[in-house]
């Protein structure tokens, strides 16, 4: 099943991928009990999207949220194995309450984001970025305006992100995100396909949605009619001109 990563609608909140670094949970109503139920339900639908994710909470209503409710929101997010990076509000009194609760206050300026959610590696240069060897768990490799070629495995818990195409000469067990700037012509090629998640231009699929006929095979992924299409191919078919 293909899903859109840029918006996840729910009755009490919406989940919006504001950038590659974090996901914004936009809370739309003051009923925190309903938020707790809805967030837990969303996690059950797509656990790999939430687990180990980094989230920022934004309140899109003007009612004041007391510290005890802020703590419940934090518990709901951290309870699914995610990280609450901080909270954002337009109300100065609310920002003071967030700070008093011991939660980071996030401002609109991206430079105010905590170091823990900044990209671990941003690389610019020629048209393709070459990664030699295994990409280890916890590593994020990002290539702005480039393709990425990985000569090795992509481990669980790691991320490969490219504005263009992704070529993996090895097994992908982590996340592969192509067309990160919205290029729906980007493609992903992998010799051994076992990803946690793949995404092209904001549309994504997680491992639970990938049929067994593609698992462990040499697979290409591309967009067609706003959906990700997977195809099995011979790994010898991958050709890259430098």
C-alpha atoms as a PDB file:
ATOM      1  CA  UNK A   1       0.000   0.000   0.000  1.00  0.00           C
ATOM      2  CA  UNK A   2       1.412   3.366  -1.031  1.00  0.00           C
ATOM      3  CA  UNK A   3       1.097   6.212   1.454  1.00  0.00           C
ATOM      4  CA  UNK A   4       1.850   9.914   1.455  1.00  0.00           C
ATOM      5  CA  UNK A   5       4.557  10.870   3.932  1.00  0.00           C
ATOM      6  CA  UNK A   6       3.737  14.564   3.807  1.00  0.00           C
ATOM      7  CA  UNK A   7       0.349  14.331   5.475  1.00  0.00           C
ATOM      8  CA  UNK A   8      -1.331  11.864   7.839  1.00  0.00           C
ATOM      9  CA  UNK A   9      -4.822  13.008   8.698  1.00  0.00           C
ATOM     10  CA  UNK A  10      -6.621  12.057  11.875  1.00  0.00           C
ATOM     11  CA  UNK A  11      -9.524  13.457  13.856  1.00  0.00           C
ATOM     12  CA  UNK A  12      -7.406  14.948  16.634  1.00  0.00           C
ATOM     13  CA  UNK A  13      -4.073  15.496  14.870  1.00  0.00           C
ATOM     14  CA  UNK A  14      -2.315  15.498  11.550  1.00  0.00           C
ATOM     15  CA  UNK A  15       1.130  14.141  10.910  1.00  0.00           C
ATOM     16  CA  UNK A  16       3.162  16.246   8.513  1.00  0.00           C
ATOM     17  CA  UNK A  17       6.716  15.627   7.347  1.00  0.00           C
ATOM     18  CA  UNK A  18       7.965  19.190   7.618  1.00  0.00           C
ATOM     19  CA  UNK A  19      11.490  18.189   6.580  1.00  0.00           C
ATOM     20  CA  UNK A  20      13.742  15.173   6.247  1.00  0.00           C
ATOM     21  CA  UNK A  21      14.943  15.631   9.820  1.00  0.00           C
ATOM     22  CA  UNK A  22      11.711  15.451  11.754  1.00  0.00           C
ATOM     23  CA  UNK A  23       7.959  14.952  11.560  1.00  0.00           C
ATOM     24  CA  UNK A  24       5.500  17.517  12.873  1.00  0.00           C
ATOM     25  CA  UNK A  25       2.523  16.339  14.940  1.00  0.00           C
ATOM     26  CA  UNK A  26      -0.050  19.109  14.571  1.00  0.00           C
ATOM     27  CA  UNK A  27      -2.594  18.759  17.383  1.00  0.00           C
ATOM     28  CA  UNK A  28      -5.970  20.144  16.346  1.00  0.00           C
ATOM     29  CA  UNK A  29      -8.073  19.853  19.513  1.00  0.00           C
ATOM     30  CA  UNK A  30      -7.632  20.103  23.264  1.00  0.00           C
ATOM     31  CA  UNK A  31      -8.950  16.608  24.129  1.00  0.00           C
ATOM     32  CA  UNK A  32      -5.645  14.958  25.074  1.00  0.00           C
ATOM     33  CA  UNK A  33      -7.315  11.618  25.861  1.00  0.00           C
ATOM     34  CA  UNK A  34      -8.518  11.437  22.271  1.00  0.00           C
ATOM     35  CA  UNK A  35      -5.056  12.367  21.028  1.00  0.00           C
ATOM     36  CA  UNK A  36      -3.535   9.535  23.074  1.00  0.00           C
ATOM     37  CA  UNK A  37      -6.007   7.061  21.575  1.00  0.00           C
ATOM     38  CA  UNK A  38      -5.584   8.357  18.026  1.00  0.00           C
ATOM     39  CA  UNK A  39      -1.787   8.414  18.199  1.00  0.00           C
ATOM     40  CA  UNK A  40      -1.677   4.846  19.520  1.00  0.00           C
ATOM     41  CA  UNK A  41      -4.065   3.797  16.748  1.00  0.00           C
ATOM     42  CA  UNK A  42      -1.931   5.458  14.079  1.00  0.00           C
ATOM     43  CA  UNK A  43       1.125   3.639  15.432  1.00  0.00           C
ATOM     44  CA  UNK A  44      -0.698   0.322  15.116  1.00  0.00           C
ATOM     45  CA  UNK A  45      -1.409   1.100  11.454  1.00  0.00           C
ATOM     46  CA  UNK A  46       2.200   1.965  10.548  1.00  0.00           C
ATOM     47  CA  UNK A  47       4.585   1.108  13.408  1.00  0.00           C
ATOM     48  CA  UNK A  48       7.760   1.466  11.346  1.00  0.00           C
ATOM     49  CA  UNK A  49       6.827   5.005  10.415  1.00  0.00           C
ATOM     50  CA  UNK A  50       6.631   6.004  14.090  1.00  0.00           C
ATOM     51  CA  UNK A  51       9.228   3.810  15.807  1.00  0.00           C
ATOM     52  CA  UNK A  52      12.599   5.575  16.183  1.00  0.00           C
ATOM     53  CA  UNK A  53      11.135   8.694  14.567  1.00  0.00           C
ATOM     54  CA  UNK A  54      11.841  12.266  15.695  1.00  0.00           C
ATOM     55  CA  UNK A  55       8.720  14.358  16.308  1.00  0.00           C
ATOM     56  CA  UNK A  56       7.923  17.992  16.994  1.00  0.00           C
ATOM     57  CA  UNK A  57       4.502  18.848  18.429  1.00  0.00           C
ATOM     58  CA  UNK A  58       2.722  21.953  17.191  1.00  0.00           C
ATOM     59  CA  UNK A  59      -0.525  23.281  18.661  1.00  0.00           C
ATOM     60  CA  UNK A  60      -2.806  24.755  15.998  1.00  0.00           C
ATOM     61  CA  UNK A  61      -5.413  26.092  18.401  1.00  0.00           C
ATOM     62  CA  UNK A  62      -5.130  28.917  20.925  1.00  0.00           C
ATOM     63  CA  UNK A  63      -6.275  27.154  24.108  1.00  0.00           C
ATOM     64  CA  UNK A  64      -3.639  26.905  26.821  1.00  0.00           C
ATOM     65  CA  UNK A  65      -2.299  23.384  27.497  1.00  0.00           C
ATOM     66  CA  UNK A  66      -1.167  22.788  31.083  1.00  0.00           C
ATOM     67  CA  UNK A  67       2.025  20.955  31.980  1.00  0.00           C
ATOM     68  CA  UNK A  68       0.251  17.754  33.047  1.00  0.00           C
ATOM     69  CA  UNK A  69      -1.246  17.440  29.553  1.00  0.00           C
ATOM     70  CA  UNK A  70       2.080  18.266  27.925  1.00  0.00           C
ATOM     71  CA  UNK A  71       3.611  15.380  29.853  1.00  0.00           C
ATOM     72  CA  UNK A  72       0.848  13.058  28.617  1.00  0.00           C
ATOM     73  CA  UNK A  73       1.565  14.068  25.021  1.00  0.00           C
ATOM     74  CA  UNK A  74       5.258  13.356  25.556  1.00  0.00           C
ATOM     75  CA  UNK A  75       4.449   9.977  27.108  1.00  0.00           C
ATOM     76  CA  UNK A  76       2.184   9.053  24.171  1.00  0.00           C
ATOM     77  CA  UNK A  77       4.942   9.809  21.651  1.00  0.00           C
ATOM     78  CA  UNK A  78       7.808   8.244  23.571  1.00  0.00           C
ATOM     79  CA  UNK A  79       5.616   5.250  24.396  1.00  0.00           C
ATOM     80  CA  UNK A  80       5.779   4.046  20.772  1.00  0.00           C
ATOM     81  CA  UNK A  81       9.579   4.212  20.710  1.00  0.00           C
ATOM     82  CA  UNK A  82       9.800   7.667  19.129  1.00  0.00           C
ATOM     83  CA  UNK A  83      11.642  10.796  20.282  1.00  0.00           C
ATOM     84  CA  UNK A  84       9.892  14.031  21.193  1.00  0.00           C
ATOM     85  CA  UNK A  85      12.337  16.673  20.004  1.00  0.00           C
ATOM     86  CA  UNK A  86      10.273  19.586  21.278  1.00  0.00           C
ATOM     87  CA  UNK A  87       7.041  21.568  21.026  1.00  0.00           C
ATOM     88  CA  UNK A  88       6.089  24.705  19.137  1.00  0.00           C
ATOM     89  CA  UNK A  89       3.408  27.303  19.906  1.00  0.00           C
ATOM     90  CA  UNK A  90       2.571  30.871  18.883  1.00  0.00           C
ATOM     91  CA  UNK A  91       1.531  31.724  22.458  1.00  0.00           C
ATOM     92  CA  UNK A  92       4.281  33.068  24.711  1.00  0.00           C
ATOM     93  CA  UNK A  93       2.531  31.704  27.829  1.00  0.00           C
ATOM     94  CA  UNK A  94       2.381  28.272  26.215  1.00  0.00           C
ATOM     95  CA  UNK A  95       6.074  28.397  25.354  1.00  0.00           C
ATOM     96  CA  UNK A  96       6.829  29.237  28.988  1.00  0.00           C
ATOM     97  CA  UNK A  97       4.737  26.253  30.109  1.00  0.00           C
ATOM     98  CA  UNK A  98       6.540  23.959  27.666  1.00  0.00           C
ATOM     99  CA  UNK A  99       9.895  25.128  28.981  1.00  0.00           C
ATOM    100  CA  UNK A 100       8.753  24.733  32.598  1.00  0.00           C
ATOM    101  CA  UNK A 101       7.772  21.131  31.840  1.00  0.00           C
ATOM    102  CA  UNK A 102      11.323  20.390  30.714  1.00  0.00           C
ATOM    103  CA  UNK A 103      10.498  20.042  27.013  1.00  0.00           C
ATOM    104  CA  UNK A 104      12.451  21.836  24.280  1.00  0.00           C
ATOM    105  CA  UNK A 105      10.767  24.905  22.795  1.00  0.00           C
ATOM    106  CA  UNK A 106      11.048  24.820  19.004  1.00  0.00           C
ATOM    107  CA  UNK A 107      11.081  28.053  17.034  1.00  0.00           C
ATOM    108  CA  UNK A 108      10.398  28.522  13.348  1.00  0.00           C
ATOM    109  CA  UNK A 109      14.055  29.157  12.598  1.00  0.00           C
ATOM    110  CA  UNK A 110      15.590  25.813  11.633  1.00  0.00           C
ATOM    111  CA  UNK A 111      18.850  26.743  13.318  1.00  0.00           C
ATOM    112  CA  UNK A 112      17.036  26.510  16.643  1.00  0.00           C
ATOM    113  CA  UNK A 113      16.481  22.774  16.218  1.00  0.00           C
ATOM    114  CA  UNK A 114      18.429  20.585  18.652  1.00  0.00           C
ATOM    115  CA  UNK A 115      21.594  19.007  17.306  1.00  0.00           C
ATOM    116  CA  UNK A 116      20.158  15.498  17.708  1.00  0.00           C
ATOM    117  CA  UNK A 117      17.864  15.919  14.696  1.00  0.00           C
ATOM    118  CA  UNK A 118      20.258  17.625  12.314  1.00  0.00           C
ATOM    119  CA  UNK A 119      21.545  15.531   9.433  1.00  0.00           C
ATOM    120  CA  UNK A 120      24.605  13.564  10.338  1.00  0.00           C
ATOM    121  CA  UNK A 121      26.158  14.111   6.914  1.00  0.00           C
ATOM    122  CA  UNK A 122      25.356  16.593   4.139  1.00  0.00           C
ATOM    123  CA  UNK A 123      27.517  16.121   1.076  1.00  0.00           C
ATOM    124  CA  UNK A 124      27.717  18.239  -2.061  1.00  0.00           C
ATOM    125  CA  UNK A 125      29.898  17.904  -5.111  1.00  0.00           C
ATOM    126  CA  UNK A 126      29.717  16.020  -8.419  1.00  0.00           C
ATOM    127  CA  UNK A 127      26.544  14.558  -9.845  1.00  0.00           C
ATOM    128  CA  UNK A 128      26.849  11.343  -7.822  1.00  0.00           C
ATOM    129  CA  UNK A 129      27.901  10.547  -4.290  1.00  0.00           C
ATOM    130  CA  UNK A 130      29.805   7.284  -3.883  1.00  0.00           C
ATOM    131  CA  UNK A 131      29.553   5.489  -0.535  1.00  0.00           C
ATOM    132  CA  UNK A 132      32.108   2.719  -0.147  1.00  0.00           C
ATOM    133  CA  UNK A 133      31.326  -0.003   2.381  1.00  0.00           C
ATOM    134  CA  UNK A 134      28.507  -0.704   4.800  1.00  0.00           C
ATOM    135  CA  UNK A 135      26.236   2.105   6.000  1.00  0.00           C
ATOM    136  CA  UNK A 136      25.917   1.351   9.707  1.00  0.00           C
ATOM    137  CA  UNK A 137      22.873   1.641  11.944  1.00  0.00           C
ATOM    138  CA  UNK A 138      22.206   5.191  13.106  1.00  0.00           C
ATOM    139  CA  UNK A 139      23.946   6.743  10.086  1.00  0.00           C
ATOM    140  CA  UNK A 140      22.171   9.147   7.750  1.00  0.00           C
ATOM    141  CA  UNK A 141      23.773   9.967   4.395  1.00  0.00           C
ATOM    142  CA  UNK A 142      22.212  12.834   2.456  1.00  0.00           C
ATOM    143  CA  UNK A 143      23.109  13.989  -1.058  1.00  0.00           C
ATOM    144  CA  UNK A 144      21.579  17.285  -2.140  1.00  0.00           C
ATOM    145  CA  UNK A 145      21.027  17.556  -5.913  1.00  0.00           C
ATOM    146  CA  UNK A 146      22.754  14.213  -6.466  1.00  0.00           C
ATOM    147  CA  UNK A 147      22.269  10.501  -6.949  1.00  0.00           C
ATOM    148  CA  UNK A 148      23.722   8.129  -4.347  1.00  0.00           C
ATOM    149  CA  UNK A 149      25.621   4.948  -5.184  1.00  0.00           C
ATOM    150  CA  UNK A 150      26.213   2.631  -2.206  1.00  0.00           C
ATOM    151  CA  UNK A 151      28.776  -0.141  -2.654  1.00  0.00           C
ATOM    152  CA  UNK A 152      27.753  -2.148   0.391  1.00  0.00           C
ATOM    153  CA  UNK A 153      24.808  -2.893   2.663  1.00  0.00           C
ATOM    154  CA  UNK A 154      22.450  -0.336   4.211  1.00  0.00           C
ATOM    155  CA  UNK A 155      21.875  -1.473   7.802  1.00  0.00           C
ATOM    156  CA  UNK A 156      18.698  -1.428   9.878  1.00  0.00           C
ATOM    157  CA  UNK A 157      18.257   1.996  11.452  1.00  0.00           C
ATOM    158  CA  UNK A 158      20.239   3.843   8.775  1.00  0.00           C
ATOM    159  CA  UNK A 159      18.969   6.205   6.084  1.00  0.00           C
ATOM    160  CA  UNK A 160      20.087   6.942   2.537  1.00  0.00           C
ATOM    161  CA  UNK A 161      18.555  10.160   1.199  1.00  0.00           C
ATOM    162  CA  UNK A 162      19.065  11.629  -2.266  1.00  0.00           C
ATOM    163  CA  UNK A 163      17.523  14.377  -4.341  1.00  0.00           C
ATOM    164  CA  UNK A 164      17.956  12.020  -7.294  1.00  0.00           C
ATOM    165  CA  UNK A 165      18.244   8.249  -7.749  1.00  0.00           C
ATOM    166  CA  UNK A 166      19.587   5.636  -5.341  1.00  0.00           C
ATOM    167  CA  UNK A 167      21.713   2.654  -6.438  1.00  0.00           C
ATOM    168  CA  UNK A 168      22.564   0.062  -3.767  1.00  0.00           C
ATOM    169  CA  UNK A 169      25.076  -2.679  -4.619  1.00  0.00           C
ATOM    170  CA  UNK A 170      24.213  -4.721  -1.558  1.00  0.00           C
ATOM    171  CA  UNK A 171      21.288  -5.306   0.789  1.00  0.00           C
ATOM    172  CA  UNK A 172      19.027  -2.492   1.923  1.00  0.00           C
ATOM    173  CA  UNK A 173      17.730  -3.158   5.434  1.00  0.00           C
ATOM    174  CA  UNK A 174      17.244   0.482   6.420  1.00  0.00           C
ATOM    175  CA  UNK A 175      15.476   3.369   4.691  1.00  0.00           C
ATOM    176  CA  UNK A 176      16.045   4.545   1.118  1.00  0.00           C
ATOM    177  CA  UNK A 177      14.536   7.933   0.234  1.00  0.00           C
ATOM    178  CA  UNK A 178      14.881   9.074  -3.381  1.00  0.00           C
ATOM    179  CA  UNK A 179      13.529  12.216  -5.013  1.00  0.00           C
ATOM    180  CA  UNK A 180      13.728  13.909  -1.628  1.00  0.00           C
ATOM    181  CA  UNK A 181      13.118  17.345  -3.152  1.00  0.00           C
ATOM    182  CA  UNK A 182       9.988  16.178  -4.953  1.00  0.00           C
ATOM    183  CA  UNK A 183      11.412  14.612  -8.140  1.00  0.00           C
ATOM    184  CA  UNK A 184       8.904  11.877  -8.996  1.00  0.00           C
ATOM    185  CA  UNK A 185      11.157  10.667 -11.834  1.00  0.00           C
ATOM    186  CA  UNK A 186      13.709   9.435  -9.294  1.00  0.00           C
ATOM    187  CA  UNK A 187      14.177   5.677  -8.941  1.00  0.00           C
ATOM    188  CA  UNK A 188      15.669   3.194  -6.485  1.00  0.00           C
ATOM    189  CA  UNK A 189      17.719   0.149  -7.531  1.00  0.00           C
ATOM    190  CA  UNK A 190      18.856  -2.474  -5.036  1.00  0.00           C
ATOM    191  CA  UNK A 191      20.555  -5.862  -5.293  1.00  0.00           C
ATOM    192  CA  UNK A 192      18.900  -7.285  -2.155  1.00  0.00           C
ATOM    193  CA  UNK A 193      15.606  -5.660  -1.231  1.00  0.00           C
ATOM    194  CA  UNK A 194      14.645  -5.875   2.467  1.00  0.00           C
ATOM    195  CA  UNK A 195      13.993  -2.245   3.447  1.00  0.00           C
ATOM    196  CA  UNK A 196      12.338  -0.793   6.510  1.00  0.00           C
ATOM    197  CA  UNK A 197      10.936   1.900   4.232  1.00  0.00           C
ATOM    198  CA  UNK A 198      11.414   3.302   0.754  1.00  0.00           C
ATOM    199  CA  UNK A 199      10.167   6.662  -0.445  1.00  0.00           C
ATOM    200  CA  UNK A 200      10.073   8.489  -3.765  1.00  0.00           C
ATOM    201  CA  UNK A 201       9.042  12.155  -3.864  1.00  0.00           C
ATOM    202  CA  UNK A 202       7.146  11.878  -0.576  1.00  0.00           C
ATOM    203  CA  UNK A 203       5.220   8.682  -1.338  1.00  0.00           C
ATOM    204  CA  UNK A 204       6.408   5.763   0.747  1.00  0.00           C
ATOM    205  CA  UNK A 205       5.881   2.082   1.472  1.00  0.00           C
ATOM    206  CA  UNK A 206       7.027   0.196   4.575  1.00  0.00           C
ATOM    207  CA  UNK A 207       8.271  -3.379   4.827  1.00  0.00           C
ATOM    208  CA  UNK A 208       4.918  -4.755   5.982  1.00  0.00           C
ATOM    209  CA  UNK A 209       3.391  -3.572   2.693  1.00  0.00           C
ATOM    210  CA  UNK A 210       6.010  -5.242   0.472  1.00  0.00           C
ATOM    211  CA  UNK A 211       4.927  -8.569  -1.027  1.00  0.00           C
ATOM    212  CA  UNK A 212       7.130 -11.607  -0.384  1.00  0.00           C
ATOM    213  CA  UNK A 213       7.891 -11.914  -4.105  1.00  0.00           C
ATOM    214  CA  UNK A 214      10.110  -8.812  -3.806  1.00  0.00           C
ATOM    215  CA  UNK A 215      11.760  -9.538  -0.448  1.00  0.00           C
ATOM    216  CA  UNK A 216      15.449 -10.341  -0.821  1.00  0.00           C
ATOM    217  CA  UNK A 217      15.353  -9.938  -4.615  1.00  0.00           C
ATOM    218  CA  UNK A 218      17.027  -7.430  -6.923  1.00  0.00           C
ATOM    219  CA  UNK A 219      14.347  -4.757  -7.177  1.00  0.00           C
ATOM    220  CA  UNK A 220      13.789  -1.400  -8.817  1.00  0.00           C
ATOM    221  CA  UNK A 221      11.235   1.129  -7.579  1.00  0.00           C
ATOM    222  CA  UNK A 222       9.716   3.980  -9.568  1.00  0.00           C
ATOM    223  CA  UNK A 223       6.651   6.206  -9.548  1.00  0.00           C
ATOM    224  CA  UNK A 224       3.679   5.682 -11.857  1.00  0.00           C
ATOM    225  CA  UNK A 225       0.275   7.330 -11.469  1.00  0.00           C
ATOM    226  CA  UNK A 226       1.320   8.656  -8.042  1.00  0.00           C
ATOM    227  CA  UNK A 227       2.133   5.143  -6.778  1.00  0.00           C
ATOM    228  CA  UNK A 228       5.403   3.310  -6.207  1.00  0.00           C
ATOM    229  CA  UNK A 229       5.816   0.408  -8.625  1.00  0.00           C
ATOM    230  CA  UNK A 230       8.261  -2.406  -7.773  1.00  0.00           C
ATOM    231  CA  UNK A 231       9.930  -4.631 -10.369  1.00  0.00           C
ATOM    232  CA  UNK A 232      12.281  -7.597 -10.001  1.00  0.00           C
ATOM    233  CA  UNK A 233      15.306  -7.475 -12.284  1.00  0.00           C
ATOM    234  CA  UNK A 234      18.742  -9.005 -12.774  1.00  0.00           C
ATOM    235  CA  UNK A 235      21.350  -7.115 -10.749  1.00  0.00           C
ATOM    236  CA  UNK A 236      23.583  -7.231 -13.821  1.00  0.00           C
ATOM    237  CA  UNK A 237      21.186  -4.818 -15.499  1.00  0.00           C
ATOM    238  CA  UNK A 238      22.292  -1.885 -13.334  1.00  0.00           C
ATOM    239  CA  UNK A 239      24.502   0.371 -15.403  1.00  0.00           C
ATOM    240  CA  UNK A 240      25.854   3.702 -14.208  1.00  0.00           C
ATOM    241  CA  UNK A 241      27.754   6.055 -16.487  1.00  0.00           C
ATOM    242  CA  UNK A 242      30.328   8.267 -14.779  1.00  0.00           C
END
